């Protein structure tokens, strides 16, 4: 397959089309929206990021397969991040499209609507807990300087629970996969052998863990459990939100579980080298699949890196490999003493 971001409607299965919508200024480049012909209109899985061009991009892609925006009856959204959700709000405003979103995303969306800010309060709090108040202040200031677009954020028409949903001639099974967000869902078409995975399974990168709306509740532990949950279900063709489709969902879930075990070991090594806070550990680790240093990251990605590091440290504490002591200047982590015989 060529460039996965190439515009258009690309058929990935009978009556299922992948439509990449551009994400200007974002390292991910594009988000995949999936259009499903149901025998009675269209259903989308995810809708994209509401930008100046996204509606026209979606319109042009659908025209290429003889469809129209007004034919979209429902959008099933995998999670509440803006590159998946905000175009659904625009489609509803213009065409009456119905929006379905995981019920466990409700507290996060309520918080976002209340704070009218693009950066969750929890992320800033975790930066302080990580021992980096300067970065916490920088991110808080950065977030305040970026306009929040309230017209892009509204509640869905229905809150989705795990289970089966009729989509015309298709049946989509919503499967809870918390971790990347608290209420993340994947949608599995068991008859067609397809898994619309959102950001839960991405083919070349691991989704960010720790950029969280609402209460901090061991997001990495939840993510690892969700990967195992995918492995416990029938395998399917992976249809990710970012990147090329086509690999086995089981293969990618196994790879991601292995990846995080490596990251946990590297985090232990950072403590062994003298790091005592998550911020210190993050500076000793490398980042992205290109193994960039912390110093090479911009402030936003330093926030992502630091929050992900403390998420890994929390799992190590839960496993008994690491001890933690609360400190106003940041939680202090150390290697747990081996039990004596």
Protein backbone atom coordinates (compact mmCIF):
# COMPACT_ATOMS: atom_id res chain seq x y z
CA UNK A 1 0.00 0.00 0.00
CA UNK A 2 1.20 3.53 -0.81
CA UNK A 3 0.79 6.63 1.31
CA UNK A 4 -2.04 5.89 3.71
CA UNK A 5 -2.89 9.62 3.97
CA UNK A 6 -3.79 9.90 0.26
CA UNK A 7 -7.20 11.58 -0.08
CA UNK A 8 -10.20 9.64 -1.28
CA UNK A 9 -12.42 6.73 -0.32
CA UNK A 10 -10.39 3.52 -0.30
CA UNK A 11 -12.36 0.27 -0.17
CA UNK A 12 -10.99 -2.02 2.55
CA UNK A 13 -13.81 -4.58 2.51
CA UNK A 14 -17.08 -5.06 0.69
CA UNK A 15 -18.99 -1.80 1.24
CA UNK A 16 -16.44 -0.41 3.73
CA UNK A 17 -14.35 2.60 2.75
CA UNK A 18 -11.43 4.24 4.55
CA UNK A 19 -11.38 8.04 4.18
CA UNK A 20 -8.26 9.83 5.49
CA UNK A 21 -8.98 13.40 6.60
CA UNK A 22 -6.03 15.75 7.01
CA UNK A 23 -4.93 16.95 10.45
CA UNK A 24 -3.01 20.16 9.65
CA UNK A 25 -0.01 20.79 11.86
CA UNK A 26 -0.32 17.42 13.60
CA UNK A 27 2.39 14.78 13.53
CA UNK A 28 -0.16 12.05 12.85
CA UNK A 29 -0.96 13.75 9.49
CA UNK A 30 -4.46 12.30 9.07
CA UNK A 31 -7.27 10.43 10.77
CA UNK A 32 -9.10 7.54 9.12
CA UNK A 33 -12.87 7.84 8.96
CA UNK A 34 -14.63 4.64 7.91
CA UNK A 35 -17.79 4.84 5.81
CA UNK A 36 -20.01 1.74 5.88
CA UNK A 37 -22.72 1.15 3.30
CA UNK A 38 -25.52 -0.48 5.26
CA UNK A 39 -28.24 -0.99 2.67
CA UNK A 40 -30.07 1.98 4.19
CA UNK A 41 -27.77 4.98 4.16
CA UNK A 42 -24.26 5.35 5.54
CA UNK A 43 -22.73 4.81 8.95
CA UNK A 44 -19.39 6.31 9.91
CA UNK A 45 -16.98 4.99 12.47
CA UNK A 46 -15.34 8.18 13.74
CA UNK A 47 -15.89 11.46 11.95
CA UNK A 48 -12.62 13.36 12.05
CA UNK A 49 -11.44 16.73 13.30
CA UNK A 50 -13.63 19.75 12.54
CA UNK A 51 -11.31 22.02 10.51
CA UNK A 52 -11.86 24.55 7.74
CA UNK A 53 -11.33 21.86 5.10
CA UNK A 54 -12.55 18.61 6.66
CA UNK A 55 -16.17 18.85 5.54
CA UNK A 56 -15.15 19.43 1.93
CA UNK A 57 -12.62 16.59 2.11
CA UNK A 58 -15.29 14.21 3.38
CA UNK A 59 -17.81 15.42 0.79
CA UNK A 60 -15.35 14.88 -2.08
CA UNK A 61 -14.38 11.40 -0.85
CA UNK A 62 -18.01 10.30 -0.57
CA UNK A 63 -18.80 11.69 -4.03
CA UNK A 64 -16.15 9.35 -5.41
CA UNK A 65 -18.27 6.37 -4.32
CA UNK A 66 -21.60 7.93 -5.27
CA UNK A 67 -22.60 8.98 -1.76
CA UNK A 68 -23.48 12.28 -0.08
CA UNK A 69 -22.99 13.81 3.35
CA UNK A 70 -26.74 13.85 3.84
CA UNK A 71 -26.75 10.05 3.52
CA UNK A 72 -24.85 9.65 6.81
CA UNK A 73 -27.37 8.48 9.38
CA UNK A 74 -25.12 7.64 12.32
CA UNK A 75 -21.59 8.14 13.57
CA UNK A 76 -20.17 5.65 16.04
CA UNK A 77 -17.29 7.46 17.75
CA UNK A 78 -14.49 5.43 19.33
CA UNK A 79 -13.50 8.14 21.82
CA UNK A 80 -13.89 11.78 22.68
CA UNK A 81 -10.64 13.23 21.31
CA UNK A 82 -11.24 16.06 18.87
CA UNK A 83 -9.75 14.31 15.82
CA UNK A 84 -12.48 11.67 16.16
CA UNK A 85 -15.46 13.53 17.61
CA UNK A 86 -15.74 17.16 16.55
CA UNK A 87 -16.69 16.58 12.90
CA UNK A 88 -19.59 14.44 14.12
CA UNK A 89 -20.97 17.51 15.88
CA UNK A 90 -20.71 19.49 12.63
CA UNK A 91 -22.46 16.73 10.66
CA UNK A 92 -25.31 16.67 13.15
CA UNK A 93 -25.65 20.44 13.00
CA UNK A 94 -25.91 20.42 9.19
CA UNK A 95 -27.61 17.11 8.39
CA UNK A 96 -29.17 15.76 11.56
CA UNK A 97 -26.67 12.89 11.81
CA UNK A 98 -26.96 10.94 15.07
CA UNK A 99 -23.89 10.60 17.30
CA UNK A 100 -23.08 7.61 19.51
CA UNK A 101 -20.24 7.79 22.06
CA UNK A 102 -19.10 5.45 24.83
CA UNK A 103 -20.95 6.03 28.08
CA UNK A 104 -17.72 6.08 30.09
CA UNK A 105 -16.66 9.18 28.14
CA UNK A 106 -19.48 11.19 29.74
CA UNK A 107 -17.50 12.50 32.78
CA UNK A 108 -14.62 13.55 30.54
CA UNK A 109 -16.86 15.37 28.10
CA UNK A 110 -18.65 17.08 31.00
CA UNK A 111 -15.27 18.26 32.29
CA UNK A 112 -14.18 19.50 28.88
CA UNK A 113 -17.40 21.49 28.45
CA UNK A 114 -17.00 22.91 31.95
CA UNK A 115 -13.34 23.99 31.74
CA UNK A 116 -13.52 25.05 28.05
CA UNK A 117 -9.89 24.09 27.61
CA UNK A 118 -8.06 21.75 25.24
CA UNK A 119 -5.73 20.35 27.93
CA UNK A 120 -7.22 18.21 30.72
CA UNK A 121 -6.75 19.40 34.28
CA UNK A 122 -5.59 15.88 35.16
CA UNK A 123 -2.61 16.14 32.80
CA UNK A 124 -1.40 19.34 34.46
CA UNK A 125 -1.91 17.75 37.89
CA UNK A 126 0.15 14.73 36.85
CA UNK A 127 2.97 17.00 35.68
CA UNK A 128 3.10 18.47 39.18
CA UNK A 129 2.95 14.99 40.71
CA UNK A 130 5.79 14.07 38.34
CA UNK A 131 7.99 16.77 39.86
CA UNK A 132 7.93 19.27 36.97
CA UNK A 133 5.99 22.37 38.09
CA UNK A 134 7.67 24.50 35.43
CA UNK A 135 6.33 22.32 32.61
CA UNK A 136 2.94 22.21 34.37
CA UNK A 137 2.79 26.02 34.39
CA UNK A 138 3.98 26.17 30.77
CA UNK A 139 1.30 23.76 29.58
CA UNK A 140 -1.42 25.52 31.59
CA UNK A 141 -0.39 28.85 30.05
CA UNK A 142 -0.20 27.31 26.57
CA UNK A 143 -3.67 25.83 26.93
CA UNK A 144 -5.12 29.13 28.07
CA UNK A 145 -3.68 30.89 25.04
CA UNK A 146 -5.31 28.51 22.53
CA UNK A 147 -8.90 29.24 21.65
CA UNK A 148 -11.43 26.66 22.74
CA UNK A 149 -14.20 26.11 20.18
CA UNK A 150 -17.38 25.36 22.13
CA UNK A 151 -19.32 24.87 18.89
CA UNK A 152 -17.22 21.75 18.26
CA UNK A 153 -18.25 20.08 21.50
CA UNK A 154 -21.73 18.89 22.36
CA UNK A 155 -23.17 15.80 24.02
CA UNK A 156 -23.99 12.81 21.78
CA UNK A 157 -27.47 11.62 20.92
CA UNK A 158 -26.87 8.38 22.78
CA UNK A 159 -24.35 6.99 25.20
CA UNK A 160 -23.15 3.59 24.05
CA UNK A 161 -22.65 0.62 26.33
CA UNK A 162 -20.74 -2.50 25.27
CA UNK A 163 -22.96 -4.66 23.13
CA UNK A 164 -24.37 -5.10 19.63
CA UNK A 165 -25.85 -2.33 17.52
CA UNK A 166 -27.76 -2.71 14.28
CA UNK A 167 -26.40 -0.62 11.42
CA UNK A 168 -28.74 -1.47 8.58
CA UNK A 169 -27.64 -4.83 7.20
CA UNK A 170 -24.57 -4.81 9.48
CA UNK A 171 -24.14 -5.48 13.16
CA UNK A 172 -21.41 -3.65 15.05
CA UNK A 173 -20.34 -4.89 18.46
CA UNK A 174 -19.07 -2.16 20.76
CA UNK A 175 -16.24 -3.45 22.94
CA UNK A 176 -14.93 -1.47 25.92
CA UNK A 177 -11.19 -0.81 25.60
CA UNK A 178 -10.28 1.80 28.24
CA UNK A 179 -6.72 3.09 28.44
CA UNK A 180 -6.10 5.70 25.77
CA UNK A 181 -9.26 7.29 27.17
CA UNK A 182 -11.51 6.04 29.94
CA UNK A 183 -14.46 5.34 27.64
CA UNK A 184 -12.69 4.19 24.48
CA UNK A 185 -14.66 1.69 22.40
CA UNK A 186 -13.69 -0.43 19.44
CA UNK A 187 -16.36 -1.67 17.04
CA UNK A 188 -16.15 -5.19 15.69
CA UNK A 189 -18.04 -6.45 12.65
CA UNK A 190 -17.89 -10.15 13.45
CA UNK A 191 -19.57 -11.23 10.22
CA UNK A 192 -17.07 -9.34 8.06
CA UNK A 193 -14.07 -10.04 10.31
CA UNK A 194 -13.25 -6.34 10.80
CA UNK A 195 -12.14 -4.37 13.86
CA UNK A 196 -12.63 -0.61 13.78
CA UNK A 197 -10.00 0.08 16.42
CA UNK A 198 -9.87 3.86 16.85
CA UNK A 199 -6.64 4.64 18.68
CA UNK A 200 -6.60 1.43 20.71
CA UNK A 201 -4.53 -0.45 18.14
CA UNK A 202 -2.33 1.59 15.80
CA UNK A 203 -0.10 -0.24 13.32
CA UNK A 204 3.21 1.57 13.84
CA UNK A 205 2.95 3.51 17.12
CA UNK A 206 1.53 3.09 20.59
CA UNK A 207 -1.28 5.49 21.52
CA UNK A 208 -0.55 8.05 24.19
CA UNK A 209 -1.40 6.94 27.72
CA UNK A 210 -2.01 9.55 30.41
CA UNK A 211 -3.51 12.45 28.45
CA UNK A 212 -6.65 11.89 30.47
CA UNK A 213 -9.88 13.72 31.20
CA UNK A 214 -11.25 13.01 34.66
CA UNK A 215 -9.84 11.07 37.57
CA UNK A 216 -6.43 9.39 37.15
CA UNK A 217 -7.06 5.67 37.54
CA UNK A 218 -4.07 3.60 36.40
CA UNK A 219 -4.60 4.30 32.67
CA UNK A 220 -1.75 2.04 31.57
CA UNK A 221 -3.05 -0.89 33.61
CA UNK A 222 -6.43 -0.40 31.95
CA UNK A 223 -4.80 -0.24 28.52
CA UNK A 224 -2.86 -3.46 29.05
CA UNK A 225 -6.03 -5.21 30.20
CA UNK A 226 -7.85 -3.91 27.13
CA UNK A 227 -5.14 -5.31 24.84
CA UNK A 228 -5.59 -8.70 26.48
CA UNK A 229 -9.35 -8.36 26.03
CA UNK A 230 -8.83 -7.99 22.27
CA UNK A 231 -6.72 -11.15 22.30
CA UNK A 232 -9.52 -13.02 24.09
CA UNK A 233 -11.94 -12.19 21.27
CA UNK A 234 -12.00 -13.48 17.67
CA UNK A 235 -9.19 -12.11 15.53
CA UNK A 236 -10.06 -9.55 12.86
CA UNK A 237 -8.55 -7.31 10.22
CA UNK A 238 -7.25 -4.18 11.92
CA UNK A 239 -8.81 -0.92 10.70
CA UNK A 240 -6.95 1.76 12.70
CA UNK A 241 -7.65 5.47 13.08
CA UNK A 242 -4.12 6.41 12.03
CA UNK A 243 -2.01 4.39 9.61
CA UNK A 244 -2.58 1.71 7.01
CA UNK A 245 -5.15 -1.05 7.59
CA UNK A 246 -4.82 -4.75 7.03
CA UNK A 247 -2.80 -6.49 9.73
CA UNK A 248 -4.14 -8.95 12.29
CA UNK A 249 -5.63 -7.28 15.36
CA UNK A 250 -4.24 -10.11 17.50
CA UNK A 251 -0.75 -9.63 16.09
CA UNK A 252 -0.77 -5.93 16.84
CA UNK A 253 -2.23 -6.36 20.33
CA UNK A 254 0.54 -8.85 21.14
CA UNK A 255 3.18 -6.47 19.80
CA UNK A 256 1.85 -3.61 21.91
CA UNK A 257 1.80 -5.74 25.06
CA UNK A 258 5.43 -6.64 24.40
CA UNK A 259 6.29 -2.99 23.71
CA UNK A 260 4.96 -1.87 27.08
CA UNK A 261 6.80 -4.62 28.91
CA UNK A 262 9.97 -3.26 27.32
CA UNK A 263 9.02 0.28 28.37
CA UNK A 264 8.36 -0.90 31.92
CA UNK A 265 11.82 -2.50 32.01
CA UNK A 266 13.38 0.71 30.66
CA UNK A 267 11.57 2.69 33.35
CA UNK A 268 13.02 0.39 36.02
CA UNK A 269 16.44 0.98 34.47
CA UNK A 270 15.91 4.75 34.71
CA UNK A 271 15.32 4.38 38.45
CA UNK A 272 18.40 2.21 38.70
CA UNK A 273 20.35 5.04 37.05
CA UNK A 274 19.21 7.47 39.73
CA UNK A 275 15.89 8.94 38.64
CA UNK A 276 13.55 9.52 41.56
CA UNK A 277 10.64 11.38 39.96
CA UNK A 278 8.68 10.68 36.80
CA UNK A 279 10.08 13.88 35.30
CA UNK A 280 13.64 12.70 35.91
CA UNK A 281 12.86 9.26 34.46
CA UNK A 282 11.26 10.77 31.37
CA UNK A 283 14.49 12.67 30.67
CA UNK A 284 16.48 9.42 30.73
CA UNK A 285 14.13 7.57 28.36
CA UNK A 286 13.88 7.92 24.59
CA UNK A 287 10.65 8.75 22.80
CA UNK A 288 8.71 7.84 19.66
CA UNK A 289 9.68 4.94 17.41
CA UNK A 290 12.59 7.10 16.25
CA UNK A 291 14.07 7.07 19.78
CA UNK A 292 14.21 10.82 20.15
CA UNK A 293 15.63 12.30 23.34
CA UNK A 294 13.43 14.20 25.75
CA UNK A 295 15.35 17.38 24.89
CA UNK A 296 14.26 17.01 21.26
CA UNK A 297 10.53 17.11 22.15
CA UNK A 298 8.36 20.23 22.16
CA UNK A 299 6.53 21.19 25.36
CA UNK A 300 3.29 19.44 24.42
CA UNK A 301 5.06 16.16 23.70
CA UNK A 302 7.13 16.56 26.86
CA UNK A 303 3.81 16.62 28.71
CA UNK A 304 2.73 13.43 26.90
CA UNK A 305 6.09 11.78 27.69
CA UNK A 306 6.02 12.74 31.36
CA UNK A 307 2.41 11.64 31.88
CA UNK A 308 3.15 8.35 30.15
CA UNK A 309 6.19 7.83 32.37
CA UNK A 310 4.23 8.28 35.58
CA UNK A 311 1.58 5.91 34.18
CA UNK A 312 4.30 3.26 33.76
CA UNK A 313 5.66 3.96 37.24
CA UNK A 314 2.19 3.52 38.73
CA UNK A 315 1.93 0.08 37.12
CA UNK A 316 5.34 -0.86 38.52
CA UNK A 317 4.14 0.21 41.96
CA UNK A 318 0.98 -1.88 41.54
CA UNK A 319 3.16 -4.86 40.57
CA UNK A 320 5.33 -4.42 43.65
CA UNK A 321 8.51 -3.71 41.68
CA UNK A 322 8.71 -0.06 42.70
CA UNK A 323 7.95 1.84 45.90
CA UNK A 324 6.48 5.35 46.00
CA UNK A 325 6.45 8.07 48.62
CA UNK A 326 4.24 11.14 48.39
CA UNK A 327 6.08 14.45 48.36
CA UNK A 328 4.75 17.98 47.74
CA UNK A 329 7.56 18.47 45.23
CA UNK A 330 6.57 15.33 43.32
CA UNK A 331 6.07 11.65 44.05
CA UNK A 332 9.36 9.90 44.84
CA UNK A 333 9.90 6.48 43.30
CA UNK A 334 12.52 3.87 44.14
CA UNK A 335 13.17 0.25 43.36
CA UNK A 336 11.41 -2.03 45.81
CA UNK A 337 13.62 -4.07 48.05
CA UNK A 338 13.74 -7.74 47.15
CA UNK A 339 12.09 -9.92 49.82
CA UNK A 340 14.53 -11.75 52.07
CA UNK A 341 14.24 -15.50 52.42
